[in-house]
Amino acid sequence: MSRPVPETPGPGQESVWDYPRPPALDHSAETVEVVVGGRTIATTTRSLRVLETSHPPTYYVPLDDFVDGAVRPTAGSSFCEWKGVAAYFDLLGGEDLDVVAPRAAWTYPDPTPGFRELLGTVAVMPGAVDRCVVDGEVVEPQPGDFYGGWITARVVGPFKGIPGSRFW
């Protein structure tokens, strides 16, 4: 698939093909929840969405809105041309925080100037946890094992990460 054909959004929907590049930040008052080991480890109505062409939104949850002890730094980093160097976390859930979702989340400890608002927030890879929920809707993970987008009924694609989308 060398040239994607954007789906037409319906009422109340957004096309990821209308999102900008470089990406934009969007404040969201939606109720966002993250569940690991059957336990809700984060709930917020103060998330930030990163909106980038061809990607479903990535939700960033304030670190303060996670259960104490549910976020544990882990090894590794990656680089985003827009946001800078990311650091990774294991997420811990279950009754005694004994269930581990390895490298399921990341943050930007020193984000680039255009993304300073991400400081103190954590993005979660929906496919690495039991579930992520937005306003009561269970999120579908963005295709592929690299991207952290959250697919809900609010967004239409096609989405980067599907076979043939490498050079979009």
C-alpha atoms as a PDB file:
ATOM      1  CA  MET A   1       0.000   0.000   0.000  1.00  0.00           C
ATOM      2  CA  SER A   2       2.078   2.921  -1.219  1.00  0.00           C
ATOM      3  CA  ARG A   3      -0.576   5.617  -1.167  1.00  0.00           C
ATOM      4  CA  PRO A   4      -3.242   5.451   1.555  1.00  0.00           C
ATOM      5  CA  VAL A   5      -6.820   6.443   0.852  1.00  0.00           C
ATOM      6  CA  PRO A   6      -8.156   8.281   3.921  1.00  0.00           C
ATOM      7  CA  GLU A   7     -11.487   7.110   5.293  1.00  0.00           C
ATOM      8  CA  THR A   8     -14.205   9.751   5.439  1.00  0.00           C
ATOM      9  CA  PRO A   9     -15.019  10.699   9.031  1.00  0.00           C
ATOM     10  CA  GLY A  10     -18.615  10.560  10.172  1.00  0.00           C
ATOM     11  CA  PRO A  11     -20.306  12.928  12.614  1.00  0.00           C
ATOM     12  CA  GLY A  12     -18.161  13.428  15.720  1.00  0.00           C
ATOM     13  CA  GLN A  13     -15.165  11.643  14.185  1.00  0.00           C
ATOM     14  CA  GLU A  14     -11.663  12.823  13.256  1.00  0.00           C
ATOM     15  CA  SER A  15      -9.513  11.617  10.390  1.00  0.00           C
ATOM     16  CA  VAL A  16      -5.906  10.973  11.334  1.00  0.00           C
ATOM     17  CA  TRP A  17      -5.088  12.337   7.879  1.00  0.00           C
ATOM     18  CA  ASP A  18      -6.232  15.773   9.068  1.00  0.00           C
ATOM     19  CA  TYR A  19      -3.737  15.707  11.963  1.00  0.00           C
ATOM     20  CA  PRO A  20      -0.611  17.843  11.430  1.00  0.00           C
ATOM     21  CA  ARG A  21       3.028  16.999  10.894  1.00  0.00           C
ATOM     22  CA  PRO A  22       4.896  17.929  13.005  1.00  0.00           C
ATOM     23  CA  PRO A  23       2.416  16.669  15.597  1.00  0.00           C
ATOM     24  CA  ALA A  24       0.218  18.836  17.789  1.00  0.00           C
ATOM     25  CA  LEU A  25      -0.772  18.603  21.455  1.00  0.00           C
ATOM     26  CA  ASP A  26      -4.438  18.536  22.392  1.00  0.00           C
ATOM     27  CA  HIS A  27      -5.748  18.847  25.957  1.00  0.00           C
ATOM     28  CA  SER A  28      -8.444  16.272  26.663  1.00  0.00           C
ATOM     29  CA  ALA A  29     -11.070  16.160  29.407  1.00  0.00           C
ATOM     30  CA  GLU A  30     -12.090  12.616  28.429  1.00  0.00           C
ATOM     31  CA  THR A  31     -11.952  10.050  31.216  1.00  0.00           C
ATOM     32  CA  VAL A  32      -8.883   7.911  30.537  1.00  0.00           C
ATOM     33  CA  GLU A  33      -8.146   4.692  32.444  1.00  0.00           C
ATOM     34  CA  VAL A  34      -5.286   2.189  32.344  1.00  0.00           C
ATOM     35  CA  VAL A  35      -5.732  -1.367  33.675  1.00  0.00           C
ATOM     36  CA  VAL A  36      -2.931  -3.840  34.502  1.00  0.00           C
ATOM     37  CA  GLY A  37      -3.464  -7.153  36.259  1.00  0.00           C
ATOM     38  CA  GLY A  38      -7.169  -6.422  36.601  1.00  0.00           C
ATOM     39  CA  ARG A  39      -6.487  -3.223  38.574  1.00  0.00           C
ATOM     40  CA  THR A  40      -7.085   0.309  37.367  1.00  0.00           C
ATOM     41  CA  ILE A  41      -3.681   1.911  37.880  1.00  0.00           C
ATOM     42  CA  ALA A  42      -4.444   5.316  36.343  1.00  0.00           C
ATOM     43  CA  THR A  43      -7.522   7.472  35.928  1.00  0.00           C
ATOM     44  CA  THR A  44      -7.524  11.028  34.658  1.00  0.00           C
ATOM     45  CA  THR A  45      -9.570  13.731  32.982  1.00  0.00           C
ATOM     46  CA  ARG A  46      -6.401  15.765  32.318  1.00  0.00           C
ATOM     47  CA  SER A  47      -4.652  13.858  29.553  1.00  0.00           C
ATOM     48  CA  LEU A  48      -2.818  15.240  26.564  1.00  0.00           C
ATOM     49  CA  ARG A  49      -3.271  13.744  23.113  1.00  0.00           C
ATOM     50  CA  VAL A  50      -0.420  13.850  20.601  1.00  0.00           C
ATOM     51  CA  LEU A  51      -1.946  14.131  17.141  1.00  0.00           C
ATOM     52  CA  GLU A  52       0.251  13.242  14.155  1.00  0.00           C
ATOM     53  CA  THR A  53      -0.641  12.601  10.520  1.00  0.00           C
ATOM     54  CA  SER A  54      -1.582   8.945   9.916  1.00  0.00           C
ATOM     55  CA  HIS A  55      -1.391   7.978  13.615  1.00  0.00           C
ATOM     56  CA  PRO A  56      -4.262   7.522  16.054  1.00  0.00           C
ATOM     57  CA  PRO A  57      -3.813   9.784  19.088  1.00  0.00           C
ATOM     58  CA  THR A  58      -1.312   8.820  21.755  1.00  0.00           C
ATOM     59  CA  TYR A  59      -2.667   9.700  25.189  1.00  0.00           C
ATOM     60  CA  TYR A  60      -0.303  11.041  27.861  1.00  0.00           C
ATOM     61  CA  VAL A  61      -1.502  10.705  31.460  1.00  0.00           C
ATOM     62  CA  PRO A  62      -0.131  12.878  34.273  1.00  0.00           C
ATOM     63  CA  LEU A  63       2.219  10.805  36.447  1.00  0.00           C
ATOM     64  CA  ASP A  64       0.294  12.067  39.497  1.00  0.00           C
ATOM     65  CA  ASP A  65      -2.816  10.251  38.246  1.00  0.00           C
ATOM     66  CA  PHE A  66      -1.205   6.803  38.518  1.00  0.00           C
ATOM     67  CA  VAL A  67      -1.551   4.657  41.648  1.00  0.00           C
ATOM     68  CA  ASP A  68       1.525   5.038  43.873  1.00  0.00           C
ATOM     69  CA  GLY A  69       4.081   2.386  42.950  1.00  0.00           C
ATOM     70  CA  ALA A  70       2.455   1.509  39.593  1.00  0.00           C
ATOM     71  CA  VAL A  71       5.161   3.169  37.460  1.00  0.00           C
ATOM     72  CA  ARG A  72       8.720   1.810  37.651  1.00  0.00           C
ATOM     73  CA  PRO A  73      11.640   3.098  35.559  1.00  0.00           C
ATOM     74  CA  THR A  74      13.276   0.479  33.353  1.00  0.00           C
ATOM     75  CA  ALA A  75      16.238   0.294  30.980  1.00  0.00           C
ATOM     76  CA  GLY A  76      16.247   1.667  27.481  1.00  0.00           C
ATOM     77  CA  SER A  77      15.478   4.784  25.548  1.00  0.00           C
ATOM     78  CA  SER A  78      14.384   5.845  22.093  1.00  0.00           C
ATOM     79  CA  PHE A  79      14.449   9.051  20.088  1.00  0.00           C
ATOM     80  CA  CYS A  80      11.571  10.968  18.533  1.00  0.00           C
ATOM     81  CA  GLU A  81      12.455  13.610  15.979  1.00  0.00           C
ATOM     82  CA  TRP A  82       9.721  15.859  17.413  1.00  0.00           C
ATOM     83  CA  LYS A  83       9.727  15.211  21.168  1.00  0.00           C
ATOM     84  CA  GLY A  84      13.308  14.164  21.995  1.00  0.00           C
ATOM     85  CA  VAL A  85      14.667  11.228  24.002  1.00  0.00           C
ATOM     86  CA  ALA A  86      12.127   8.942  25.668  1.00  0.00           C
ATOM     87  CA  ALA A  87      12.679   6.953  28.866  1.00  0.00           C
ATOM     88  CA  TYR A  88      10.694   3.771  29.566  1.00  0.00           C
ATOM     89  CA  PHE A  89       8.656   2.339  32.422  1.00  0.00           C
ATOM     90  CA  ASP A  90       7.305  -0.984  33.524  1.00  0.00           C
ATOM     91  CA  LEU A  91       3.711  -0.680  34.723  1.00  0.00           C
ATOM     92  CA  LEU A  92       2.659  -2.628  37.810  1.00  0.00           C
ATOM     93  CA  GLY A  93      -0.865  -3.738  38.584  1.00  0.00           C
ATOM     94  CA  GLY A  94      -2.774  -6.488  40.296  1.00  0.00           C
ATOM     95  CA  GLU A  95      -3.961  -6.401  43.878  1.00  0.00           C
ATOM     96  CA  ASP A  96      -0.431  -6.103  45.313  1.00  0.00           C
ATOM     97  CA  LEU A  97       1.200  -4.408  42.303  1.00  0.00           C
ATOM     98  CA  ASP A  98       2.788  -7.774  41.548  1.00  0.00           C
ATOM     99  CA  VAL A  99       1.703  -8.013  37.909  1.00  0.00           C
ATOM    100  CA  VAL A 100       4.253  -6.416  35.564  1.00  0.00           C
ATOM    101  CA  ALA A 101       3.631  -5.016  32.096  1.00  0.00           C
ATOM    102  CA  PRO A 102       7.252  -4.636  30.932  1.00  0.00           C
ATOM    103  CA  ARG A 103       8.233  -1.466  29.039  1.00  0.00           C
ATOM    104  CA  ALA A 104       4.562  -0.621  28.643  1.00  0.00           C
ATOM    105  CA  ALA A 105       4.972   3.135  29.057  1.00  0.00           C
ATOM    106  CA  TRP A 106       7.325   5.998  28.326  1.00  0.00           C
ATOM    107  CA  THR A 107       7.937   9.634  29.095  1.00  0.00           C
ATOM    108  CA  TYR A 108      10.074  12.507  27.850  1.00  0.00           C
ATOM    109  CA  PRO A 109      12.184  13.672  30.812  1.00  0.00           C
ATOM    110  CA  ASP A 110      13.490  16.647  28.803  1.00  0.00           C
ATOM    111  CA  PRO A 111      11.048  17.211  25.941  1.00  0.00           C
ATOM    112  CA  THR A 112      11.852  19.574  23.083  1.00  0.00           C
ATOM    113  CA  PRO A 113      10.523  23.147  23.426  1.00  0.00           C
ATOM    114  CA  GLY A 114       7.376  22.469  21.375  1.00  0.00           C
ATOM    115  CA  PHE A 115       6.425  19.572  23.648  1.00  0.00           C
ATOM    116  CA  ARG A 116       7.320  20.901  27.115  1.00  0.00           C
ATOM    117  CA  GLU A 117       3.756  20.241  28.263  1.00  0.00           C
ATOM    118  CA  LEU A 118       4.537  16.507  28.131  1.00  0.00           C
ATOM    119  CA  LEU A 119       6.889  16.905  31.097  1.00  0.00           C
ATOM    120  CA  GLY A 120       5.487  14.860  33.980  1.00  0.00           C
ATOM    121  CA  THR A 121       3.199  12.788  31.767  1.00  0.00           C
ATOM    122  CA  VAL A 122       3.336   9.115  30.784  1.00  0.00           C
ATOM    123  CA  ALA A 123       2.222   7.498  27.528  1.00  0.00           C
ATOM    124  CA  VAL A 124       0.962   3.918  27.663  1.00  0.00           C
ATOM    125  CA  MET A 125       1.215   1.265  24.946  1.00  0.00           C
ATOM    126  CA  PRO A 126      -2.366  -0.074  24.871  1.00  0.00           C
ATOM    127  CA  GLY A 127      -1.328  -3.480  23.547  1.00  0.00           C
ATOM    128  CA  ALA A 128       1.038  -4.031  26.497  1.00  0.00           C
ATOM    129  CA  VAL A 129      -1.585  -3.709  29.262  1.00  0.00           C
ATOM    130  CA  ASP A 130      -4.930  -5.378  30.031  1.00  0.00           C
ATOM    131  CA  ARG A 131      -6.775  -2.435  28.563  1.00  0.00           C
ATOM    132  CA  CYS A 132      -6.903   1.311  28.102  1.00  0.00           C
ATOM    133  CA  VAL A 133     -10.282   3.007  28.185  1.00  0.00           C
ATOM    134  CA  VAL A 134     -11.452   6.413  26.915  1.00  0.00           C
ATOM    135  CA  ASP A 135     -14.867   7.597  28.128  1.00  0.00           C
ATOM    136  CA  GLY A 136     -15.948   3.998  28.713  1.00  0.00           C
ATOM    137  CA  GLU A 137     -14.731   2.691  25.333  1.00  0.00           C
ATOM    138  CA  VAL A 138     -11.988   0.062  25.340  1.00  0.00           C
ATOM    139  CA  VAL A 139      -9.145   1.205  23.113  1.00  0.00           C
ATOM    140  CA  GLU A 140      -7.819  -0.836  20.196  1.00  0.00           C
ATOM    141  CA  PRO A 141      -3.997  -0.651  19.981  1.00  0.00           C
ATOM    142  CA  GLN A 142      -2.419   0.937  16.922  1.00  0.00           C
ATOM    143  CA  PRO A 143      -1.165  -1.780  14.560  1.00  0.00           C
ATOM    144  CA  GLY A 144       2.493  -2.784  14.790  1.00  0.00           C
ATOM    145  CA  ASP A 145       4.714  -3.254  17.799  1.00  0.00           C
ATOM    146  CA  PHE A 146       6.360   0.166  17.779  1.00  0.00           C
ATOM    147  CA  TYR A 147       3.553   2.723  17.838  1.00  0.00           C
ATOM    148  CA  GLY A 148       1.484   3.686  20.870  1.00  0.00           C
ATOM    149  CA  GLY A 149      -1.665   5.138  19.330  1.00  0.00           C
ATOM    150  CA  TRP A 150      -5.099   4.609  20.847  1.00  0.00           C
ATOM    151  CA  ILE A 151      -7.855   3.725  18.362  1.00  0.00           C
ATOM    152  CA  THR A 152     -11.407   4.584  19.393  1.00  0.00           C
ATOM    153  CA  ALA A 153     -14.612   5.136  17.423  1.00  0.00           C
ATOM    154  CA  ARG A 154     -13.659   8.836  17.414  1.00  0.00           C
ATOM    155  CA  VAL A 155     -10.880   8.357  14.825  1.00  0.00           C
ATOM    156  CA  VAL A 156     -10.715   6.919  11.318  1.00  0.00           C
ATOM    157  CA  GLY A 157      -7.669   5.834   9.312  1.00  0.00           C
ATOM    158  CA  PRO A 158      -6.088   4.005   7.720  1.00  0.00           C
ATOM    159  CA  PHE A 159      -3.495   3.985  10.502  1.00  0.00           C
ATOM    160  CA  LYS A 160       0.277   3.846  10.225  1.00  0.00           C
ATOM    161  CA  GLY A 161       1.520   0.454  11.378  1.00  0.00           C
ATOM    162  CA  ILE A 162      -0.533  -1.708   9.028  1.00  0.00           C
ATOM    163  CA  PRO A 163       1.392  -3.759   6.466  1.00  0.00           C
ATOM    164  CA  GLY A 164       2.743  -1.538   3.697  1.00  0.00           C
ATOM    165  CA  SER A 165       2.675   1.678   5.756  1.00  0.00           C
ATOM    166  CA  ARG A 166       6.385   1.872   6.568  1.00  0.00           C
ATOM    167  CA  PHE A 167       7.097   4.846   4.288  1.00  0.00           C
ATOM    168  CA  TRP A 168       3.909   6.862   4.825  1.00  0.00           C
END
